[in-house]
Amino acid sequence: LRRRAGLDGVKAGLLRELCPPEALTDTASLAAA
């Protein structure tokens, strides 16, 4: 996430907090989130 999307820290934390686990492993779902 840091290298490819420029996201780390609290933004990455929000993704983990608010996304279902399966969305984090699917590229299309992760980008949409």
All heavy atoms as atom14 arrays in JSON, in Angstrom:
{
  "sequence": "LRRRAGLDGVKAGLLRELCPPEALTDTASLAAA",
  "atom14_mask": [
    [1, 1, 1, 1, 1, 1, 1, 1, 0, 0, 0, 0, 0, 0],
    [1, 1, 1, 1, 1, 1, 1, 1, 1, 1, 1, 0, 0, 0],
    [1, 1, 1, 1, 1, 1, 1, 1, 1, 1, 1, 0, 0, 0],
    [1, 1, 1, 1, 1, 1, 1, 1, 1, 1, 1, 0, 0, 0],
    [1, 1, 1, 1, 1, 0, 0, 0, 0, 0, 0, 0, 0, 0],
    [1, 1, 1, 1, 0, 0, 0, 0, 0, 0, 0, 0, 0, 0],
    [1, 1, 1, 1, 1, 1, 1, 1, 0, 0, 0, 0, 0, 0],
    [1, 1, 1, 1, 1, 1, 1, 1, 0, 0, 0, 0, 0, 0],
    [1, 1, 1, 1, 0, 0, 0, 0, 0, 0, 0, 0, 0, 0],
    [1, 1, 1, 1, 1, 1, 1, 0, 0, 0, 0, 0, 0, 0],
    [1, 1, 1, 1, 1, 1, 1, 1, 1, 0, 0, 0, 0, 0],
    [1, 1, 1, 1, 1, 0, 0, 0, 0, 0, 0, 0, 0, 0],
    [1, 1, 1, 1, 0, 0, 0, 0, 0, 0, 0, 0, 0, 0],
    [1, 1, 1, 1, 1, 1, 1, 1, 0, 0, 0, 0, 0, 0],
    [1, 1, 1, 1, 1, 1, 1, 1, 0, 0, 0, 0, 0, 0],
    [1, 1, 1, 1, 1, 1, 1, 1, 1, 1, 1, 0, 0, 0],
    [1, 1, 1, 1, 1, 1, 1, 1, 1, 0, 0, 0, 0, 0],
    [1, 1, 1, 1, 1, 1, 1, 1, 0, 0, 0, 0, 0, 0],
    [1, 1, 1, 1, 1, 1, 0, 0, 0, 0, 0, 0, 0, 0],
    [1, 1, 1, 1, 1, 1, 1, 0, 0, 0, 0, 0, 0, 0],
    [1, 1, 1, 1, 1, 1, 1, 0, 0, 0, 0, 0, 0, 0],
    [1, 1, 1, 1, 1, 1, 1, 1, 1, 0, 0, 0, 0, 0],
    [1, 1, 1, 1, 1, 0, 0, 0, 0, 0, 0, 0, 0, 0],
    [1, 1, 1, 1, 1, 1, 1, 1, 0, 0, 0, 0, 0, 0],
    [1, 1, 1, 1, 1, 1, 1, 0, 0, 0, 0, 0, 0, 0],
    [1, 1, 1, 1, 1, 1, 1, 1, 0, 0, 0, 0, 0, 0],
    [1, 1, 1, 1, 1, 1, 1, 0, 0, 0, 0, 0, 0, 0],
    [1, 1, 1, 1, 1, 0, 0, 0, 0, 0, 0, 0, 0, 0],
    [1, 1, 1, 1, 1, 1, 0, 0, 0, 0, 0, 0, 0, 0],
    [1, 1, 1, 1, 1, 1, 1, 1, 0, 0, 0, 0, 0, 0],
    [1, 1, 1, 1, 1, 0, 0, 0, 0, 0, 0, 0, 0, 0],
    [1, 1, 1, 1, 1, 0, 0, 0, 0, 0, 0, 0, 0, 0],
    [1, 1, 1, 1, 1, 0, 0, 0, 0, 0, 0, 0, 0, 0]
  ],
  "atom14_positions": [
    [[0.83, -1.22, 0.0], [0.0, 0.0, 0.0], [0.86, 1.26, 0.0], [0.55, 2.24, -0.69], [-0.92, 0.0, 1.23], [-2.11, -0.95, 1.2], [-2.77, -1.01, 2.57], [-3.11, -0.53, 0.13], [0.0, 0.0, 0.0], [0.0, 0.0, 0.0], [0.0, 0.0, 0.0], [0.0, 0.0, 0.0], [0.0, 0.0, 0.0], [0.0, 0.0, 0.0]],
    [[1.94, 1.21, 0.75], [2.81, 2.39, 0.82], [3.49, 2.63, -0.52], [3.53, 3.77, -1.01], [3.84, 2.19, 1.92], [4.83, 3.35, 2.05], [5.79, 3.13, 3.21], [6.46, 1.84, 3.12], [7.51, 1.58, 2.31], [7.99, 2.55, 1.54], [8.06, 0.39, 2.3], [0.0, 0.0, 0.0], [0.0, 0.0, 0.0], [0.0, 0.0, 0.0]],
    [[4.03, 1.56, -1.15], [4.79, 1.71, -2.38], [3.9, 1.97, -3.59], [4.23, 2.78, -4.46], [5.64, 0.47, -2.63], [6.76, 0.27, -1.62], [7.51, -1.02, -1.9], [8.12, -0.97, -3.22], [8.43, -2.05, -3.95], [8.16, -3.25, -3.47], [9.0, -1.93, -5.13], [0.0, 0.0, 0.0], [0.0, 0.0, 0.0], [0.0, 0.0, 0.0]],
    [[2.77, 1.29, -3.67], [1.94, 1.34, -4.87], [0.8, 2.36, -4.8], [0.35, 2.85, -5.83], [1.35, -0.04, -5.17], [2.37, -1.14, -5.33], [3.39, -0.8, -6.4], [4.37, -1.89, -6.57], [5.52, -1.75, -7.22], [5.86, -0.58, -7.74], [6.36, -2.78, -7.33], [0.0, 0.0, 0.0], [0.0, 0.0, 0.0], [0.0, 0.0, 0.0]],
    [[0.33, 2.66, -3.57], [-0.82, 3.58, -3.44], [-0.49, 4.82, -2.62], [-1.31, 5.72, -2.52], [-2.0, 2.85, -2.81], [0.0, 0.0, 0.0], [0.0, 0.0, 0.0], [0.0, 0.0, 0.0], [0.0, 0.0, 0.0], [0.0, 0.0, 0.0], [0.0, 0.0, 0.0], [0.0, 0.0, 0.0], [0.0, 0.0, 0.0], [0.0, 0.0, 0.0]],
    [[0.71, 4.87, -2.06], [1.09, 6.03, -1.25], [0.34, 6.12, 0.06], [0.22, 7.2, 0.63], [0.0, 0.0, 0.0], [0.0, 0.0, 0.0], [0.0, 0.0, 0.0], [0.0, 0.0, 0.0], [0.0, 0.0, 0.0], [0.0, 0.0, 0.0], [0.0, 0.0, 0.0], [0.0, 0.0, 0.0], [0.0, 0.0, 0.0], [0.0, 0.0, 0.0]],
    [[-0.16, 4.97, 0.54], [-0.94, 4.96, 1.78], [-0.17, 4.26, 2.89], [0.34, 3.15, 2.7], [-2.27, 4.24, 1.58], [-3.22, 4.77, 0.51], [-4.51, 3.97, 0.53], [-3.51, 6.25, 0.71], [0.0, 0.0, 0.0], [0.0, 0.0, 0.0], [0.0, 0.0, 0.0], [0.0, 0.0, 0.0], [0.0, 0.0, 0.0], [0.0, 0.0, 0.0]],
    [[-0.1, 4.9, 4.03], [0.46, 4.26, 5.21], [-0.17, 4.87, 6.44], [-1.1, 5.68, 6.34], [1.99, 4.38, 5.26], [2.47, 5.83, 5.24], [1.62, 6.75, 5.33], [3.68, 6.06, 5.15], [0.0, 0.0, 0.0], [0.0, 0.0, 0.0], [0.0, 0.0, 0.0], [0.0, 0.0, 0.0], [0.0, 0.0, 0.0], [0.0, 0.0, 0.0]],
    [[0.28, 4.51, 7.6], [-0.2, 5.11, 8.84], [-1.7, 4.98, 8.99], [-2.29, 3.92, 8.81], [0.0, 0.0, 0.0], [0.0, 0.0, 0.0], [0.0, 0.0, 0.0], [0.0, 0.0, 0.0], [0.0, 0.0, 0.0], [0.0, 0.0, 0.0], [0.0, 0.0, 0.0], [0.0, 0.0, 0.0], [0.0, 0.0, 0.0], [0.0, 0.0, 0.0]],
    [[-2.34, 6.11, 9.31], [-3.76, 6.09, 9.63], [-4.62, 5.73, 8.42], [-5.67, 5.08, 8.56], [-4.2, 7.44, 10.25], [-4.1, 8.57, 9.24], [-5.6, 7.34, 10.82], [0.0, 0.0, 0.0], [0.0, 0.0, 0.0], [0.0, 0.0, 0.0], [0.0, 0.0, 0.0], [0.0, 0.0, 0.0], [0.0, 0.0, 0.0], [0.0, 0.0, 0.0]],
    [[-4.21, 6.1, 7.22], [-5.0, 5.74, 6.04], [-5.01, 4.23, 5.83], [-6.06, 3.63, 5.55], [-4.47, 6.45, 4.8], [-4.8, 7.94, 4.75], [-4.4, 8.53, 3.41], [-4.83, 9.99, 3.29], [-4.47, 10.57, 1.97], [0.0, 0.0, 0.0], [0.0, 0.0, 0.0], [0.0, 0.0, 0.0], [0.0, 0.0, 0.0], [0.0, 0.0, 0.0]],
    [[-3.85, 3.61, 5.96], [-3.81, 2.16, 5.87], [-4.6, 1.53, 7.02], [-5.29, 0.51, 6.84], [-2.36, 1.67, 5.89], [0.0, 0.0, 0.0], [0.0, 0.0, 0.0], [0.0, 0.0, 0.0], [0.0, 0.0, 0.0], [0.0, 0.0, 0.0], [0.0, 0.0, 0.0], [0.0, 0.0, 0.0], [0.0, 0.0, 0.0], [0.0, 0.0, 0.0]],
    [[-4.52, 2.16, 8.19], [-5.29, 1.67, 9.33], [-6.78, 1.73, 9.09], [-7.53, 0.83, 9.49], [0.0, 0.0, 0.0], [0.0, 0.0, 0.0], [0.0, 0.0, 0.0], [0.0, 0.0, 0.0], [0.0, 0.0, 0.0], [0.0, 0.0, 0.0], [0.0, 0.0, 0.0], [0.0, 0.0, 0.0], [0.0, 0.0, 0.0], [0.0, 0.0, 0.0]],
    [[-7.25, 2.78, 8.42], [-8.68, 2.89, 8.11], [-9.12, 1.78, 7.17], [-10.21, 1.22, 7.32], [-8.98, 4.26, 7.48], [-9.08, 5.45, 8.45], [-9.06, 6.77, 7.7], [-10.34, 5.34, 9.31], [0.0, 0.0, 0.0], [0.0, 0.0, 0.0], [0.0, 0.0, 0.0], [0.0, 0.0, 0.0], [0.0, 0.0, 0.0], [0.0, 0.0, 0.0]],
    [[-8.28, 1.46, 6.19], [-8.63, 0.36, 5.28], [-8.79, -0.94, 6.05], [-9.76, -1.68, 5.86], [-7.56, 0.21, 4.21], [-7.59, 1.24, 3.06], [-6.35, 1.07, 2.2], [-8.85, 1.08, 2.22], [0.0, 0.0, 0.0], [0.0, 0.0, 0.0], [0.0, 0.0, 0.0], [0.0, 0.0, 0.0], [0.0, 0.0, 0.0], [0.0, 0.0, 0.0]],
    [[-7.85, -1.23, 6.94], [-7.92, -2.47, 7.71], [-9.13, -2.46, 8.65], [-9.76, -3.49, 8.89], [-6.65, -2.66, 8.52], [-5.41, -2.95, 7.67], [-4.2, -3.16, 8.58], [-3.0, -3.43, 7.82], [-2.62, -4.64, 7.39], [-3.41, -5.69, 7.63], [-1.5, -4.81, 6.73], [0.0, 0.0, 0.0], [0.0, 0.0, 0.0], [0.0, 0.0, 0.0]],
    [[-9.44, -1.28, 9.18], [-10.54, -1.16, 10.14], [-11.91, -1.31, 9.48], [-12.82, -1.92, 10.06], [-10.46, 0.21, 10.84], [-11.56, 0.48, 11.85], [-11.38, -0.25, 13.17], [-10.37, -0.97, 13.32], [-12.23, -0.09, 14.07], [0.0, 0.0, 0.0], [0.0, 0.0, 0.0], [0.0, 0.0, 0.0], [0.0, 0.0, 0.0], [0.0, 0.0, 0.0]],
    [[-12.05, -0.79, 8.27], [-13.38, -0.66, 7.68], [-13.66, -1.63, 6.53], [-14.82, -1.76, 6.13], [-13.57, 0.79, 7.18], [-13.47, 1.87, 8.26], [-13.49, 3.26, 7.63], [-14.6, 1.75, 9.27], [0.0, 0.0, 0.0], [0.0, 0.0, 0.0], [0.0, 0.0, 0.0], [0.0, 0.0, 0.0], [0.0, 0.0, 0.0], [0.0, 0.0, 0.0]],
    [[-12.64, -2.28, 6.02], [-12.85, -3.21, 4.9], [-12.95, -4.65, 5.41], [-12.21, -5.04, 6.32], [-11.68, -3.14, 3.92], [-11.65, -1.64, 2.94], [0.0, 0.0, 0.0], [0.0, 0.0, 0.0], [0.0, 0.0, 0.0], [0.0, 0.0, 0.0], [0.0, 0.0, 0.0], [0.0, 0.0, 0.0], [0.0, 0.0, 0.0], [0.0, 0.0, 0.0]],
    [[-13.8, -5.47, 4.79], [-13.77, -6.91, 5.1], [-12.44, -7.49, 4.64], [-11.84, -7.01, 3.66], [-14.94, -7.47, 4.3], [-15.21, -6.47, 3.23], [-14.82, -5.14, 3.79], [0.0, 0.0, 0.0], [0.0, 0.0, 0.0], [0.0, 0.0, 0.0], [0.0, 0.0, 0.0], [0.0, 0.0, 0.0], [0.0, 0.0, 0.0], [0.0, 0.0, 0.0]],
    [[-11.93, -8.53, 5.32], [-10.6, -9.07, 4.99], [-10.44, -9.45, 3.53], [-9.38, -9.23, 2.93], [-10.5, -10.3, 5.91], [-11.41, -9.99, 7.05], [-12.53, -9.21, 6.48], [0.0, 0.0, 0.0], [0.0, 0.0, 0.0], [0.0, 0.0, 0.0], [0.0, 0.0, 0.0], [0.0, 0.0, 0.0], [0.0, 0.0, 0.0], [0.0, 0.0, 0.0]],
    [[-11.52, -9.98, 2.92], [-11.4, -10.42, 1.54], [-11.17, -9.25, 0.57], [-10.56, -9.41, -0.49], [-12.63, -11.22, 1.1], [-13.96, -10.48, 1.23], [-14.62, -10.64, 2.59], [-13.9, -11.01, 3.56], [-15.84, -10.4, 2.67], [0.0, 0.0, 0.0], [0.0, 0.0, 0.0], [0.0, 0.0, 0.0], [0.0, 0.0, 0.0], [0.0, 0.0, 0.0]],
    [[-11.65, -8.06, 0.93], [-11.45, -6.89, 0.06], [-9.99, -6.47, 0.03], [-9.54, -5.86, -0.95], [-12.32, -5.74, 0.53], [0.0, 0.0, 0.0], [0.0, 0.0, 0.0], [0.0, 0.0, 0.0], [0.0, 0.0, 0.0], [0.0, 0.0, 0.0], [0.0, 0.0, 0.0], [0.0, 0.0, 0.0], [0.0, 0.0, 0.0], [0.0, 0.0, 0.0]],
    [[-9.24, -6.77, 1.07], [-7.83, -6.37, 1.13], [-6.94, -7.24, 0.26], [-5.8, -6.87, -0.03], [-7.35, -6.42, 2.58], [-8.07, -5.49, 3.57], [-7.56, -5.72, 4.99], [-7.89, -4.03, 3.18], [0.0, 0.0, 0.0], [0.0, 0.0, 0.0], [0.0, 0.0, 0.0], [0.0, 0.0, 0.0], [0.0, 0.0, 0.0], [0.0, 0.0, 0.0]],
    [[-7.44, -8.39, -0.15], [-6.62, -9.3, -0.95], [-7.03, -9.31, -2.41], [-6.39, -9.99, -3.22], [-6.73, -10.73, -0.38], [-8.11, -11.13, -0.37], [-6.17, -10.77, 1.05], [0.0, 0.0, 0.0], [0.0, 0.0, 0.0], [0.0, 0.0, 0.0], [0.0, 0.0, 0.0], [0.0, 0.0, 0.0], [0.0, 0.0, 0.0], [0.0, 0.0, 0.0]],
    [[-8.05, -8.59, -2.77], [-8.52, -8.51, -4.16], [-8.2, -7.12, -4.7], [-8.65, -6.11, -4.15], [-10.02, -8.77, -4.22], [-10.57, -8.64, -5.63], [-10.37, -9.57, -6.43], [-11.17, -7.58, -5.92], [0.0, 0.0, 0.0], [0.0, 0.0, 0.0], [0.0, 0.0, 0.0], [0.0, 0.0, 0.0], [0.0, 0.0, 0.0], [0.0, 0.0, 0.0]],
    [[-7.42, -7.07, -5.76], [-6.93, -5.78, -6.27], [-8.07, -4.82, -6.6], [-8.04, -3.64, -6.22], [-6.06, -5.99, -7.52], [-4.9, -6.74, -7.14], [-5.61, -4.66, -8.1], [0.0, 0.0, 0.0], [0.0, 0.0, 0.0], [0.0, 0.0, 0.0], [0.0, 0.0, 0.0], [0.0, 0.0, 0.0], [0.0, 0.0, 0.0], [0.0, 0.0, 0.0]],
    [[-9.07, -5.28, -7.32], [-10.16, -4.4, -7.73], [-10.93, -3.89, -6.51], [-11.27, -2.7, -6.43], [-11.11, -5.13, -8.68], [0.0, 0.0, 0.0], [0.0, 0.0, 0.0], [0.0, 0.0, 0.0], [0.0, 0.0, 0.0], [0.0, 0.0, 0.0], [0.0, 0.0, 0.0], [0.0, 0.0, 0.0], [0.0, 0.0, 0.0], [0.0, 0.0, 0.0]],
    [[-11.2, -4.76, -5.57], [-11.94, -4.36, -4.37], [-11.12, -3.39, -3.52], [-11.66, -2.44, -2.97], [-12.29, -5.6, -3.53], [-13.14, -6.47, -4.24], [0.0, 0.0, 0.0], [0.0, 0.0, 0.0], [0.0, 0.0, 0.0], [0.0, 0.0, 0.0], [0.0, 0.0, 0.0], [0.0, 0.0, 0.0], [0.0, 0.0, 0.0], [0.0, 0.0, 0.0]],
    [[-9.81, -3.64, -3.43], [-8.95, -2.75, -2.64], [-8.89, -1.36, -3.26], [-9.01, -0.35, -2.56], [-7.56, -3.36, -2.55], [-6.52, -2.58, -1.73], [-7.0, -2.37, -0.3], [-5.17, -3.31, -1.75], [0.0, 0.0, 0.0], [0.0, 0.0, 0.0], [0.0, 0.0, 0.0], [0.0, 0.0, 0.0], [0.0, 0.0, 0.0], [0.0, 0.0, 0.0]],
    [[-8.72, -1.3, -4.58], [-8.68, 0.02, -5.25], [-10.01, 0.75, -5.07], [-10.03, 1.96, -4.81], [-8.37, -0.17, -6.74], [0.0, 0.0, 0.0], [0.0, 0.0, 0.0], [0.0, 0.0, 0.0], [0.0, 0.0, 0.0], [0.0, 0.0, 0.0], [0.0, 0.0, 0.0], [0.0, 0.0, 0.0], [0.0, 0.0, 0.0], [0.0, 0.0, 0.0]],
    [[-11.12, 0.03, -5.2], [-12.44, 0.65, -5.02], [-12.62, 1.17, -3.61], [-13.18, 2.26, -3.39], [-13.53, -0.35, -5.36], [0.0, 0.0, 0.0], [0.0, 0.0, 0.0], [0.0, 0.0, 0.0], [0.0, 0.0, 0.0], [0.0, 0.0, 0.0], [0.0, 0.0, 0.0], [0.0, 0.0, 0.0], [0.0, 0.0, 0.0], [0.0, 0.0, 0.0]],
    [[-12.11, 0.42, -2.63], [-12.23, 0.86, -1.24], [-11.4, 2.11, -0.97], [-11.83, 3.02, -0.26], [-11.8, -0.27, -0.3], [0.0, 0.0, 0.0], [0.0, 0.0, 0.0], [0.0, 0.0, 0.0], [0.0, 0.0, 0.0], [0.0, 0.0, 0.0], [0.0, 0.0, 0.0], [0.0, 0.0, 0.0], [0.0, 0.0, 0.0], [0.0, 0.0, 0.0]]
  ]
}
